[in-house]
C-alpha atoms as a PDB file:
ATOM      1  CA  PRO A   1     155.107  90.097   5.976  1.00  0.00           C
ATOM      2  CA  CYS A   2     158.470  90.724   4.305  1.00  0.00           C
ATOM      3  CA  ARG A   3     157.407  94.206   3.253  1.00  0.00           C
ATOM      4  CA  GLN A   4     155.949  94.987   6.664  1.00  0.00           C
ATOM      5  CA  LEU A   5     159.129  93.903   8.445  1.00  0.00           C
ATOM      6  CA  ALA A   6     161.287  95.900   6.032  1.00  0.00           C
ATOM      7  CA  LEU A   7     159.281  99.061   6.627  1.00  0.00           C
ATOM      8  CA  ALA A   8     158.729  98.715  10.369  1.00  0.00           C
ATOM      9  CA  ALA A   9     162.286  97.633  11.213  1.00  0.00           C
ATOM     10  CA  ASN A  10     163.869  99.918   8.579  1.00  0.00           C
ATOM     11  CA  CYS A  11     165.898  97.081   7.129  1.00  0.00           C
ATOM     12  CA  THR A  12     166.582  95.252   3.890  1.00  0.00           C
ATOM     13  CA  VAL A  13     164.713  91.954   3.583  1.00  0.00           C
ATOM     14  CA  ILE A  14     165.997  89.213   1.295  1.00  0.00           C
ATOM     15  CA  ALA A  15     163.615  86.276   0.829  1.00  0.00           C
ATOM     16  CA  VAL A  16     165.204  82.940  -0.099  1.00  0.00           C
ATOM     17  CA  ASP A  17     163.493  80.710  -2.677  1.00  0.00           C
ATOM     18  CA  TYR A  18     164.919  77.490  -1.266  1.00  0.00           C
ATOM     19  CA  ARG A  19     164.345  74.066  -2.804  1.00  0.00           C
ATOM     20  CA  LEU A  20     161.444  72.006  -1.475  1.00  0.00           C
ATOM     21  CA  ALA A  21     160.875  68.362  -0.559  1.00  0.00           C
ATOM     22  CA  PRO A  22     159.998  65.752  -1.679  1.00  0.00           C
ATOM     23  CA  GLU A  23     161.893  66.553  -4.886  1.00  0.00           C
ATOM     24  CA  HIS A  24     164.707  68.017  -2.780  1.00  0.00           C
ATOM     25  CA  PRO A  25     164.705  66.479   0.723  1.00  0.00           C
ATOM     26  CA  PHE A  26     166.974  67.371   3.640  1.00  0.00           C
ATOM     27  CA  PRO A  27     169.532  68.895   3.570  1.00  0.00           C
ATOM     28  CA  ALA A  28     168.820  70.746   0.300  1.00  0.00           C
ATOM     29  CA  SER A  29     166.759  73.531   1.872  1.00  0.00           C
ATOM     30  CA  ILE A  30     169.145  74.186   4.754  1.00  0.00           C
ATOM     31  CA  ASN A  31     172.076  74.263   2.340  1.00  0.00           C
ATOM     32  CA  ASP A  32     170.233  76.749   0.132  1.00  0.00           C
ATOM     33  CA  CYS A  33     169.442  79.023   3.071  1.00  0.00           C
ATOM     34  CA  TYR A  34     172.955  78.802   4.469  1.00  0.00           C
ATOM     35  CA  ASN A  35     174.519  79.521   1.074  1.00  0.00           C
ATOM     36  CA  ALA A  36     172.156  82.458   0.587  1.00  0.00           C
ATOM     37  CA  THR A  37     173.143  83.862   3.982  1.00  0.00           C
ATOM     38  CA  GLN A  38     176.813  83.456   3.097  1.00  0.00           C
ATOM     39  CA  TRP A  39     176.212  85.167  -0.251  1.00  0.00           C
ATOM     40  CA  VAL A  40     174.484  88.108   1.446  1.00  0.00           C
ATOM     41  CA  SER A  41     177.417  88.456   3.822  1.00  0.00           C
ATOM     42  CA  ASP A  42     179.974  88.234   1.007  1.00  0.00           C
ATOM     43  CA  ASN A  43     178.086  90.778  -1.101  1.00  0.00           C
ATOM     44  CA  ALA A  44     177.025  93.144   1.677  1.00  0.00           C
ATOM     45  CA  GLU A  45     178.780  96.149   0.169  1.00  0.00           C
ATOM     46  CA  SER A  46     177.081  95.850  -3.211  1.00  0.00           C
ATOM     47  CA  LEU A  47     173.750  95.255  -1.456  1.00  0.00           C
ATOM     48  CA  GLY A  48     174.208  98.376   0.650  1.00  0.00           C
ATOM     49  CA  ILE A  49     173.976  96.561   3.980  1.00  0.00           C
ATOM     50  CA  ASP A  50     176.183  96.105   7.042  1.00  0.00           C
ATOM     51  CA  PRO A  51     177.747  92.598   7.154  1.00  0.00           C
ATOM     52  CA  GLU A  52     177.836  92.825  10.955  1.00  0.00           C
ATOM     53  CA  ARG A  53     174.066  93.377  11.127  1.00  0.00           C
ATOM     54  CA  ILE A  54     172.574  90.380   9.353  1.00  0.00           C
ATOM     55  CA  SER A  55     169.631  88.587  10.921  1.00  0.00           C
ATOM     56  CA  VAL A  56     167.809  85.435   9.871  1.00  0.00           C
ATOM     57  CA  ALA A  57     164.060  85.080  10.225  1.00  0.00           C
ATOM     58  CA  GLY A  58     161.325  82.702   9.235  1.00  0.00           C
ATOM     59  CA  ASP A  59     157.981  81.224  10.186  1.00  0.00           C
ATOM     60  CA  SER A  60     157.153  77.528  10.609  1.00  0.00           C
ATOM     61  CA  ALA A  61     159.529  75.613   8.281  1.00  0.00           C
ATOM     62  CA  GLY A  62     161.308  78.933   7.760  1.00  0.00           C
ATOM     63  CA  GLY A  63     161.836  79.146  11.509  1.00  0.00           C
ATOM     64  CA  ASN A  64     163.387  75.700  11.413  1.00  0.00           C
ATOM     65  CA  LEU A  65     165.727  76.739   8.626  1.00  0.00           C
ATOM     66  CA  SER A  66     166.648  80.016  10.336  1.00  0.00           C
ATOM     67  CA  ALA A  67     167.600  78.239  13.556  1.00  0.00           C
ATOM     68  CA  SER A  68     169.540  75.631  11.592  1.00  0.00           C
ATOM     69  CA  VAL A  69     171.422  78.301   9.636  1.00  0.00           C
ATOM     70  CA  CYS A  70     172.573  79.814  12.935  1.00  0.00           C
ATOM     71  CA  ILE A  71     173.823  76.435  14.188  1.00  0.00           C
ATOM     72  CA  LYS A  72     175.595  75.694  10.906  1.00  0.00           C
ATOM     73  CA  ALA A  73     177.168  79.168  10.770  1.00  0.00           C
ATOM     74  CA  ARG A  74     178.508  78.779  14.300  1.00  0.00           C
ATOM     75  CA  ASP A  75     179.897  75.292  13.692  1.00  0.00           C
ATOM     76  CA  GLU A  76     181.467  76.107  10.318  1.00  0.00           C
ATOM     77  CA  ASN A  77     182.760  79.604  11.153  1.00  0.00           C
ATOM     78  CA  GLY A  78     180.306  80.947   8.616  1.00  0.00           C
ATOM     79  CA  PRO A  79     178.653  84.340   8.198  1.00  0.00           C
ATOM     80  CA  SER A  80     178.169  86.584  11.209  1.00  0.00           C
ATOM     81  CA  ILE A  81     174.511  86.549  12.305  1.00  0.00           C
ATOM     82  CA  CYS A  82     173.391  89.092  14.877  1.00  0.00           C
ATOM     83  CA  PHE A  83     169.847  87.871  15.566  1.00  0.00           C
ATOM     84  CA  GLN A  84     167.326  85.108  14.856  1.00  0.00           C
ATOM     85  CA  LEU A  85     163.592  85.762  14.612  1.00  0.00           C
ATOM     86  CA  LEU A  86     161.737  82.457  14.832  1.00  0.00           C
ATOM     87  CA  ILE A  87     157.978  82.524  14.308  1.00  0.00           C
ATOM     88  CA  TYR A  88     156.219  79.321  15.457  1.00  0.00           C
ATOM     89  CA  PRO A  89     159.328  77.395  14.378  1.00  0.00           C
ATOM     90  CA  VAL A  90     159.539  73.660  13.742  1.00  0.00           C
ATOM     91  CA  THR A  91     162.275  72.435  16.082  1.00  0.00           C
ATOM     92  CA  ASP A  92     161.575  68.783  16.927  1.00  0.00           C
ATOM     93  CA  ALA A  93     160.767  65.906  14.559  1.00  0.00           C
ATOM     94  CA  ARG A  94     159.502  63.674  17.364  1.00  0.00           C
ATOM     95  CA  MET A  95     156.065  65.386  17.514  1.00  0.00           C
ATOM     96  CA  ASN A  96     155.518  64.228  21.108  1.00  0.00           C
ATOM     97  CA  THR A  97     154.633  67.452  22.931  1.00  0.00           C
ATOM     98  CA  GLY A  98     151.482  68.388  24.795  1.00  0.00           C
ATOM     99  CA  SER A  99     150.526  70.946  22.170  1.00  0.00           C
ATOM    100  CA  TYR A 100     150.529  68.194  19.544  1.00  0.00           C
ATOM    101  CA  GLU A 101     147.879  66.412  21.625  1.00  0.00           C
ATOM    102  CA  GLU A 102     145.873  69.532  22.462  1.00  0.00           C
ATOM    103  CA  ASN A 103     145.892  70.945  18.938  1.00  0.00           C
ATOM    104  CA  SER A 104     146.123  67.841  16.786  1.00  0.00           C
ATOM    105  CA  ASP A 105     143.197  68.842  14.588  1.00  0.00           C
ATOM    106  CA  GLY A 106     140.921  71.768  13.852  1.00  0.00           C
ATOM    107  CA  TYR A 107     143.362  74.686  14.030  1.00  0.00           C
ATOM    108  CA  LEU A 108     144.643  74.903  10.432  1.00  0.00           C
ATOM    109  CA  LEU A 109     147.892  72.967  11.004  1.00  0.00           C
ATOM    110  CA  THR A 110     147.278  69.377  12.081  1.00  0.00           C
ATOM    111  CA  ARG A 111     149.347  66.555  13.514  1.00  0.00           C
ATOM    112  CA  GLU A 112     148.577  64.490  10.417  1.00  0.00           C
ATOM    113  CA  SER A 113     149.860  67.163   8.059  1.00  0.00           C
ATOM    114  CA  MET A 114     153.036  67.636  10.124  1.00  0.00           C
ATOM    115  CA  ALA A 115     153.712  63.892   9.935  1.00  0.00           C
ATOM    116  CA  TRP A 116     153.252  64.128   6.165  1.00  0.00           C
ATOM    117  CA  PHE A 117     155.663  67.078   5.954  1.00  0.00           C
ATOM    118  CA  TRP A 118     158.328  65.371   8.069  1.00  0.00           C
ATOM    119  CA  ASN A 119     158.040  62.156   6.056  1.00  0.00           C
ATOM    120  CA  HIS A 120     158.683  64.034   2.812  1.00  0.00           C
ATOM    121  CA  TYR A 121     161.515  66.063   4.326  1.00  0.00           C
ATOM    122  CA  ILE A 122     163.571  63.468   6.233  1.00  0.00           C
ATOM    123  CA  GLY A 123     161.688  60.147   6.148  1.00  0.00           C
ATOM    124  CA  ASP A 124     162.961  57.955   8.988  1.00  0.00           C
ATOM    125  CA  ASP A 125     166.401  59.535   8.921  1.00  0.00           C
ATOM    126  CA  HIS A 126     167.946  62.605  10.575  1.00  0.00           C
ATOM    127  CA  VAL A 127     165.397  62.822  13.418  1.00  0.00           C
ATOM    128  CA  ALA A 128     168.216  63.644  15.845  1.00  0.00           C
ATOM    129  CA  ASN A 129     170.217  65.789  13.418  1.00  0.00           C
ATOM    130  CA  PRO A 130     170.264  69.347  14.839  1.00  0.00           C
ATOM    131  CA  LEU A 131     170.103  70.809  11.331  1.00  0.00           C
ATOM    132  CA  ALA A 132     166.738  69.057  10.930  1.00  0.00           C
ATOM    133  CA  SER A 133     165.616  69.205  14.576  1.00  0.00           C
ATOM    134  CA  PRO A 134     167.381  72.155  16.246  1.00  0.00           C
ATOM    135  CA  LEU A 135     166.058  71.139  19.658  1.00  0.00           C
ATOM    136  CA  ALA A 136     168.184  67.982  19.370  1.00  0.00           C
ATOM    137  CA  ALA A 137     171.406  70.011  19.378  1.00  0.00           C
ATOM    138  CA  SER A 138     173.686  69.042  22.260  1.00  0.00           C
ATOM    139  CA  ASP A 139     175.124  72.564  22.436  1.00  0.00           C
ATOM    140  CA  LEU A 140     173.214  75.773  21.744  1.00  0.00           C
ATOM    141  CA  SER A 141     175.775  78.144  23.234  1.00  0.00           C
ATOM    142  CA  GLY A 142     177.305  80.866  21.113  1.00  0.00           C
ATOM    143  CA  LEU A 143     174.216  81.339  18.955  1.00  0.00           C
ATOM    144  CA  PRO A 144     172.708  84.748  18.127  1.00  0.00           C
ATOM    145  CA  PRO A 145     170.110  86.348  20.408  1.00  0.00           C
ATOM    146  CA  ALA A 146     166.609  85.191  19.557  1.00  0.00           C
ATOM    147  CA  CYS A 147     162.967  86.168  19.567  1.00  0.00           C
ATOM    148  CA  ILE A 148     160.535  83.253  19.420  1.00  0.00           C
ATOM    149  CA  ILE A 149     156.861  83.846  18.698  1.00  0.00           C
ATOM    150  CA  THR A 150     154.339  81.067  19.279  1.00  0.00           C
ATOM    151  CA  ALA A 151     150.563  80.640  18.987  1.00  0.00           C
ATOM    152  CA  GLU A 152     148.311  79.158  21.674  1.00  0.00           C
ATOM    153  CA  PHE A 153     146.396  76.827  19.349  1.00  0.00           C
ATOM    154  CA  ASP A 154     149.302  75.448  17.344  1.00  0.00           C
ATOM    155  CA  PRO A 155     150.790  71.934  17.408  1.00  0.00           C
ATOM    156  CA  LEU A 156     154.230  73.589  17.215  1.00  0.00           C
ATOM    157  CA  ARG A 157     153.721  75.785  20.290  1.00  0.00           C
ATOM    158  CA  ASP A 158     155.546  73.670  22.866  1.00  0.00           C
ATOM    159  CA  GLU A 159     158.573  72.778  20.746  1.00  0.00           C
ATOM    160  CA  GLY A 160     159.111  76.435  19.844  1.00  0.00           C
ATOM    161  CA  GLU A 161     158.972  77.450  23.488  1.00  0.00           C
ATOM    162  CA  ALA A 162     161.161  74.493  24.516  1.00  0.00           C
ATOM    163  CA  PHE A 163     163.779  75.608  22.017  1.00  0.00           C
ATOM    164  CA  GLY A 164     163.637  79.109  23.477  1.00  0.00           C
ATOM    165  CA  GLU A 165     164.144  77.760  26.994  1.00  0.00           C
ATOM    166  CA  ALA A 166     167.045  75.619  25.767  1.00  0.00           C
ATOM    167  CA  LEU A 167     168.639  78.704  24.221  1.00  0.00           C
ATOM    168  CA  LYS A 168     168.264  80.577  27.515  1.00  0.00           C
ATOM    169  CA  LYS A 169     169.824  77.680  29.402  1.00  0.00           C
ATOM    170  CA  ALA A 170     172.770  77.825  27.007  1.00  0.00           C
ATOM    171  CA  GLY A 171     173.265  81.512  27.785  1.00  0.00           C
ATOM    172  CA  VAL A 172     171.640  82.922  24.650  1.00  0.00           C
ATOM    173  CA  ILE A 173     169.564  86.075  25.163  1.00  0.00           C
ATOM    174  CA  THR A 174     166.079  84.942  24.144  1.00  0.00           C
ATOM    175  CA  LYS A 175     162.599  86.442  24.251  1.00  0.00           C
ATOM    176  CA  ILE A 176     159.665  84.011  24.063  1.00  0.00           C
ATOM    177  CA  SER A 177     156.199  85.402  23.364  1.00  0.00           C
ATOM    178  CA  ARG A 178     153.071  83.284  23.144  1.00  0.00           C
ATOM    179  CA  PHE A 179     150.048  84.892  21.491  1.00  0.00           C
ATOM    180  CA  ASP A 180     146.906  83.571  23.128  1.00  0.00           C
ATOM    181  CA  GLY A 181     143.938  82.773  20.935  1.00  0.00           C
ATOM    182  CA  MET A 182     146.090  82.564  17.799  1.00  0.00           C
ATOM    183  CA  ILE A 183     146.617  79.645  15.411  1.00  0.00           C
ATOM    184  CA  HIS A 184     149.497  78.554  13.212  1.00  0.00           C
ATOM    185  CA  GLY A 185     149.923  81.001  10.337  1.00  0.00           C
ATOM    186  CA  PHE A 186     148.481  83.986  12.189  1.00  0.00           C
ATOM    187  CA  PHE A 187     151.589  86.133  11.700  1.00  0.00           C
ATOM    188  CA  GLY A 188     150.628  86.906   8.102  1.00  0.00           C
ATOM    189  CA  MET A 189     147.036  87.876   8.936  1.00  0.00           C
ATOM    190  CA  THR A 190     147.613  91.513   9.900  1.00  0.00           C
ATOM    191  CA  ASP A 191     144.621  92.709   7.870  1.00  0.00           C
ATOM    192  CA  ILE A 192     142.180  90.861  10.121  1.00  0.00           C
ATOM    193  CA  LEU A 193     143.774  89.966  13.471  1.00  0.00           C
ATOM    194  CA  ASP A 194     144.879  92.250  16.296  1.00  0.00           C
ATOM    195  CA  GLY A 195     147.143  89.467  17.527  1.00  0.00           C
ATOM    196  CA  SER A 196     148.895  89.374  14.166  1.00  0.00           C
ATOM    197  CA  ARG A 197     149.461  93.120  14.216  1.00  0.00           C
ATOM    198  CA  GLN A 198     150.841  92.880  17.750  1.00  0.00           C
ATOM    199  CA  ALA A 199     153.179  90.062  16.721  1.00  0.00           C
ATOM    200  CA  MET A 200     154.376  92.033  13.707  1.00  0.00           C
ATOM    201  CA  SER A 201     155.048  95.022  15.949  1.00  0.00           C
ATOM    202  CA  LEU A 202     157.006  92.856  18.403  1.00  0.00           C
ATOM    203  CA  ALA A 203     159.034  91.222  15.627  1.00  0.00           C
ATOM    204  CA  SER A 204     159.861  94.583  14.076  1.00  0.00           C
ATOM    205  CA  GLU A 205     160.868  96.075  17.418  1.00  0.00           C
ATOM    206  CA  GLN A 206     163.119  93.113  18.188  1.00  0.00           C
ATOM    207  CA  LEU A 207     164.774  93.304  14.773  1.00  0.00           C
ATOM    208  CA  ALA A 208     165.318  97.057  15.019  1.00  0.00           C
ATOM    209  CA  ARG A 209     166.795  96.670  18.501  1.00  0.00           C
ATOM    210  CA  ALA A 210     169.153  93.946  17.329  1.00  0.00           C
ATOM    211  CA  PHE A 211     170.376  96.070  14.429  1.00  0.00           C
ATOM    212  CA  LYS A 212     171.124  98.972  16.801  1.00  0.00           C
ATOM    213  CA  ARG A 213     173.343  96.869  19.089  1.00  0.00           C
END
């Protein structure tokens, strides 16, 4: 997916090898991603990129971290971010949406596994911390424009779309696209799924458009 986005959007892609829970629980991963974004901005000239055209992107947990990086950058006057591409992002630790009930089992990602992930990442703490649960943020204004991609048969579908609607309500230009018939993880399945290829095309187009602004 990184290579495909780089080629289709004609951009440099830098993938962050952030620390993982349970050895490194919250906020280690968000700090790693934020620091990496700051480093890219600080070293833009040597990297051959434009510091005013830096986007963050990620799928699932990576979508969570990308959204959180944008919030942290805004609140701490950090690096300039022009766009956020969030692919079936994790945005809400409460796990109480309709899609969690509809797709709790049988579609690759399960409710049980998400509870396991959250327990290792934050335990009983930080449920309302916007850097762990971006949908809990009291203010989403001033964040970069966003593209949010969701899958019909995914426990995370509703929270991703709810975050997109919350961004819109806060005045952030946001495109929300649900891919019917798809499951969590479909974005990386371009060799076998038309829906994945369509999502990759949409993501690339949105990135390229953001970089041209």
